């Protein structure tokens, strides 16, 4: 098994243990809004560098945790006291961060460090539904033999 698979499996396991949302380990899966809130975990790329001993690679896999929520239009918001899409994105991002943000996070020893590097928010209000996406990017640092 490649180390990236182990990293994704560990991240998904931690998310499933701590959240009640639908959680997927795939970037290409089409997630229907009826399954929101939903989270997708994937590794889009990785960097590698031969370390000084020339026996190991120092690797950094970028792990993306994408969270999807369904928003309400202005009429629905005025008719209810529920949170708007920005509040939902902030809430689900906080839930994800709380699961991964421990001082010595190592995904069950799959990596030697797992660090949040960026968070981006997007809202698509085209069509019949308002969809919000929070993209949390983590660096998973590990060593791998040649």
C-alpha atoms as a PDB file:
ATOM      1  CA  UNK A   1       0.000   0.000   0.000  1.00  0.00           C
ATOM      2  CA  UNK A   2       1.312   3.418  -0.896  1.00  0.00           C
ATOM      3  CA  UNK A   3       1.813   5.811   1.991  1.00  0.00           C
ATOM      4  CA  UNK A   4      -0.653   8.320   0.460  1.00  0.00           C
ATOM      5  CA  UNK A   5      -3.419   5.718   0.752  1.00  0.00           C
ATOM      6  CA  UNK A   6      -2.497   5.139   4.392  1.00  0.00           C
ATOM      7  CA  UNK A   7      -2.617   8.908   5.002  1.00  0.00           C
ATOM      8  CA  UNK A   8      -6.034   9.310   3.323  1.00  0.00           C
ATOM      9  CA  UNK A   9      -7.418   6.264   5.158  1.00  0.00           C
ATOM     10  CA  UNK A  10      -6.225   7.647   8.509  1.00  0.00           C
ATOM     11  CA  UNK A  11      -7.688  11.104   7.832  1.00  0.00           C
ATOM     12  CA  UNK A  12     -11.051   9.646   6.774  1.00  0.00           C
ATOM     13  CA  UNK A  13     -11.126   7.371   9.828  1.00  0.00           C
ATOM     14  CA  UNK A  14     -10.523  10.337  12.161  1.00  0.00           C
ATOM     15  CA  UNK A  15     -13.204  12.428  10.432  1.00  0.00           C
ATOM     16  CA  UNK A  16     -15.747   9.597  10.535  1.00  0.00           C
ATOM     17  CA  UNK A  17     -15.055   9.047  14.225  1.00  0.00           C
ATOM     18  CA  UNK A  18     -15.647  12.705  15.042  1.00  0.00           C
ATOM     19  CA  UNK A  19     -18.326  13.875  12.590  1.00  0.00           C
ATOM     20  CA  UNK A  20     -21.747  12.716  11.481  1.00  0.00           C
ATOM     21  CA  UNK A  21     -21.406  14.115   7.938  1.00  0.00           C
ATOM     22  CA  UNK A  22     -21.071  12.010   4.783  1.00  0.00           C
ATOM     23  CA  UNK A  23     -17.333  11.509   4.267  1.00  0.00           C
ATOM     24  CA  UNK A  24     -15.781  10.289   1.022  1.00  0.00           C
ATOM     25  CA  UNK A  25     -12.226   9.299   0.101  1.00  0.00           C
ATOM     26  CA  UNK A  26     -12.309  10.458  -3.481  1.00  0.00           C
ATOM     27  CA  UNK A  27     -11.892  13.692  -5.409  1.00  0.00           C
ATOM     28  CA  UNK A  28     -13.830  12.608  -8.486  1.00  0.00           C
ATOM     29  CA  UNK A  29     -17.001  11.398  -6.840  1.00  0.00           C
ATOM     30  CA  UNK A  30     -19.997  13.489  -7.760  1.00  0.00           C
ATOM     31  CA  UNK A  31     -21.627  14.370  -4.447  1.00  0.00           C
ATOM     32  CA  UNK A  32     -25.298  15.226  -4.654  1.00  0.00           C
ATOM     33  CA  UNK A  33     -26.512  18.238  -2.636  1.00  0.00           C
ATOM     34  CA  UNK A  34     -29.054  15.923  -0.998  1.00  0.00           C
ATOM     35  CA  UNK A  35     -26.014  14.277   0.705  1.00  0.00           C
ATOM     36  CA  UNK A  36     -24.727  17.591   2.120  1.00  0.00           C
ATOM     37  CA  UNK A  37     -23.073  18.362   4.391  1.00  0.00           C
ATOM     38  CA  UNK A  38     -20.385  16.170   2.912  1.00  0.00           C
ATOM     39  CA  UNK A  39     -16.599  15.958   3.066  1.00  0.00           C
ATOM     40  CA  UNK A  40     -14.170  14.647   0.467  1.00  0.00           C
ATOM     41  CA  UNK A  41     -10.534  13.753   1.261  1.00  0.00           C
ATOM     42  CA  UNK A  42      -7.832  13.380  -1.379  1.00  0.00           C
ATOM     43  CA  UNK A  43      -4.123  13.926  -2.114  1.00  0.00           C
ATOM     44  CA  UNK A  44      -3.640  16.013  -5.274  1.00  0.00           C
ATOM     45  CA  UNK A  45       0.159  16.072  -5.188  1.00  0.00           C
ATOM     46  CA  UNK A  46       3.304  15.281  -3.281  1.00  0.00           C
ATOM     47  CA  UNK A  47       6.862  16.559  -3.127  1.00  0.00           C
ATOM     48  CA  UNK A  48       9.910  14.400  -2.475  1.00  0.00           C
ATOM     49  CA  UNK A  49      13.507  15.136  -1.631  1.00  0.00           C
ATOM     50  CA  UNK A  50      16.316  12.693  -1.011  1.00  0.00           C
ATOM     51  CA  UNK A  51      17.552  13.316   2.517  1.00  0.00           C
ATOM     52  CA  UNK A  52      21.194  13.717   3.578  1.00  0.00           C
ATOM     53  CA  UNK A  53      21.664   9.997   4.255  1.00  0.00           C
ATOM     54  CA  UNK A  54      20.580   9.282   0.659  1.00  0.00           C
ATOM     55  CA  UNK A  55      18.645   6.324   2.059  1.00  0.00           C
ATOM     56  CA  UNK A  56      15.280   7.982   2.638  1.00  0.00           C
ATOM     57  CA  UNK A  57      12.990  10.431   0.933  1.00  0.00           C
ATOM     58  CA  UNK A  58      11.553  13.320   2.910  1.00  0.00           C
ATOM     59  CA  UNK A  59       8.047  13.571   1.469  1.00  0.00           C
ATOM     60  CA  UNK A  60       5.187  16.001   1.828  1.00  0.00           C
ATOM     61  CA  UNK A  61       1.782  14.919   0.593  1.00  0.00           C
ATOM     62  CA  UNK A  62      -0.761  17.696   0.227  1.00  0.00           C
ATOM     63  CA  UNK A  63      -4.035  16.480   1.704  1.00  0.00           C
ATOM     64  CA  UNK A  64      -7.200  18.313   0.723  1.00  0.00           C
ATOM     65  CA  UNK A  65     -10.275  18.132   2.925  1.00  0.00           C
ATOM     66  CA  UNK A  66     -13.155  19.643   0.936  1.00  0.00           C
ATOM     67  CA  UNK A  67     -16.385  20.316   2.813  1.00  0.00           C
ATOM     68  CA  UNK A  68     -19.665  20.936   0.966  1.00  0.00           C
ATOM     69  CA  UNK A  69     -22.751  22.610   2.432  1.00  0.00           C
ATOM     70  CA  UNK A  70     -26.081  23.701   1.021  1.00  0.00           C
ATOM     71  CA  UNK A  71     -27.107  27.298   1.524  1.00  0.00           C
ATOM     72  CA  UNK A  72     -30.385  29.156   1.571  1.00  0.00           C
ATOM     73  CA  UNK A  73     -31.466  31.976  -0.663  1.00  0.00           C
ATOM     74  CA  UNK A  74     -32.407  35.391   0.765  1.00  0.00           C
ATOM     75  CA  UNK A  75     -36.125  34.549   0.968  1.00  0.00           C
ATOM     76  CA  UNK A  76     -35.443  31.355   2.918  1.00  0.00           C
ATOM     77  CA  UNK A  77     -33.014  33.200   5.223  1.00  0.00           C
ATOM     78  CA  UNK A  78     -35.570  35.889   6.019  1.00  0.00           C
ATOM     79  CA  UNK A  79     -38.179  33.222   6.818  1.00  0.00           C
ATOM     80  CA  UNK A  80     -35.965  31.303   9.244  1.00  0.00           C
ATOM     81  CA  UNK A  81     -33.492  31.888  12.009  1.00  0.00           C
ATOM     82  CA  UNK A  82     -31.017  29.314  10.715  1.00  0.00           C
ATOM     83  CA  UNK A  83     -27.427  30.117   9.903  1.00  0.00           C
ATOM     84  CA  UNK A  84     -26.412  31.355   6.476  1.00  0.00           C
ATOM     85  CA  UNK A  85     -23.939  29.613   4.197  1.00  0.00           C
ATOM     86  CA  UNK A  86     -20.914  31.492   5.565  1.00  0.00           C
ATOM     87  CA  UNK A  87     -21.821  30.384   9.078  1.00  0.00           C
ATOM     88  CA  UNK A  88     -22.186  26.788   7.864  1.00  0.00           C
ATOM     89  CA  UNK A  89     -18.769  26.914   6.175  1.00  0.00           C
ATOM     90  CA  UNK A  90     -17.164  28.379   9.293  1.00  0.00           C
ATOM     91  CA  UNK A  91     -18.823  25.733  11.453  1.00  0.00           C
ATOM     92  CA  UNK A  92     -17.789  22.719   9.366  1.00  0.00           C
ATOM     93  CA  UNK A  93     -14.247  24.112   8.969  1.00  0.00           C
ATOM     94  CA  UNK A  94     -13.964  24.476  12.737  1.00  0.00           C
ATOM     95  CA  UNK A  95     -15.166  20.895  13.239  1.00  0.00           C
ATOM     96  CA  UNK A  96     -12.518  19.597  10.817  1.00  0.00           C
ATOM     97  CA  UNK A  97      -9.753  21.708  12.355  1.00  0.00           C
ATOM     98  CA  UNK A  98     -10.631  20.543  15.864  1.00  0.00           C
ATOM     99  CA  UNK A  99     -10.239  16.923  14.798  1.00  0.00           C
ATOM    100  CA  UNK A 100      -6.815  17.452  13.216  1.00  0.00           C
ATOM    101  CA  UNK A 101      -5.361  20.316  15.253  1.00  0.00           C
ATOM    102  CA  UNK A 102      -3.557  18.686  18.102  1.00  0.00           C
ATOM    103  CA  UNK A 103      -0.035  19.769  18.919  1.00  0.00           C
ATOM    104  CA  UNK A 104       1.555  16.514  17.793  1.00  0.00           C
ATOM    105  CA  UNK A 105      -0.893  15.311  15.157  1.00  0.00           C
ATOM    106  CA  UNK A 106       0.492  12.327  13.282  1.00  0.00           C
ATOM    107  CA  UNK A 107      -2.644  10.596  11.905  1.00  0.00           C
ATOM    108  CA  UNK A 108      -2.155   7.551  14.074  1.00  0.00           C
ATOM    109  CA  UNK A 109       1.586   7.479  13.322  1.00  0.00           C
ATOM    110  CA  UNK A 110       1.038   7.510   9.536  1.00  0.00           C
ATOM    111  CA  UNK A 111       3.110  10.723   9.335  1.00  0.00           C
ATOM    112  CA  UNK A 112       5.473  12.642  11.588  1.00  0.00           C
ATOM    113  CA  UNK A 113       3.480  15.872  11.202  1.00  0.00           C
ATOM    114  CA  UNK A 114       0.141  16.982   9.769  1.00  0.00           C
ATOM    115  CA  UNK A 115      -0.227  20.751   9.457  1.00  0.00           C
ATOM    116  CA  UNK A 116      -2.983  23.023   8.160  1.00  0.00           C
ATOM    117  CA  UNK A 117      -1.496  25.280   5.461  1.00  0.00           C
ATOM    118  CA  UNK A 118      -4.514  27.080   3.994  1.00  0.00           C
ATOM    119  CA  UNK A 119      -8.284  27.389   3.958  1.00  0.00           C
ATOM    120  CA  UNK A 120     -10.325  28.735   1.067  1.00  0.00           C
ATOM    121  CA  UNK A 121     -14.055  29.311   0.743  1.00  0.00           C
ATOM    122  CA  UNK A 122     -16.185  29.323  -2.388  1.00  0.00           C
ATOM    123  CA  UNK A 123     -19.892  29.853  -2.942  1.00  0.00           C
ATOM    124  CA  UNK A 124     -21.724  28.938  -6.125  1.00  0.00           C
ATOM    125  CA  UNK A 125     -25.113  30.648  -6.282  1.00  0.00           C
ATOM    126  CA  UNK A 126     -25.883  29.733  -9.884  1.00  0.00           C
ATOM    127  CA  UNK A 127     -28.803  27.463 -10.611  1.00  0.00           C
ATOM    128  CA  UNK A 128     -31.445  26.284  -8.172  1.00  0.00           C
ATOM    129  CA  UNK A 129     -29.181  25.629  -5.210  1.00  0.00           C
ATOM    130  CA  UNK A 130     -26.573  27.616  -3.336  1.00  0.00           C
ATOM    131  CA  UNK A 131     -23.532  25.444  -2.648  1.00  0.00           C
ATOM    132  CA  UNK A 132     -20.681  26.429  -0.350  1.00  0.00           C
ATOM    133  CA  UNK A 133     -17.287  24.733  -0.360  1.00  0.00           C
ATOM    134  CA  UNK A 134     -14.506  25.003   2.212  1.00  0.00           C
ATOM    135  CA  UNK A 135     -11.122  23.694   1.051  1.00  0.00           C
ATOM    136  CA  UNK A 136      -8.729  22.934   3.911  1.00  0.00           C
ATOM    137  CA  UNK A 137      -5.223  21.994   2.786  1.00  0.00           C
ATOM    138  CA  UNK A 138      -2.841  20.095   5.030  1.00  0.00           C
ATOM    139  CA  UNK A 139       0.768  19.036   4.603  1.00  0.00           C
ATOM    140  CA  UNK A 140       1.380  15.438   5.640  1.00  0.00           C
ATOM    141  CA  UNK A 141       5.126  15.057   6.215  1.00  0.00           C
ATOM    142  CA  UNK A 142       6.701  11.616   6.269  1.00  0.00           C
ATOM    143  CA  UNK A 143       9.834   9.669   5.418  1.00  0.00           C
ATOM    144  CA  UNK A 144       9.909   6.868   2.885  1.00  0.00           C
ATOM    145  CA  UNK A 145      12.609   4.404   1.925  1.00  0.00           C
ATOM    146  CA  UNK A 146      14.018   4.156  -1.571  1.00  0.00           C
END
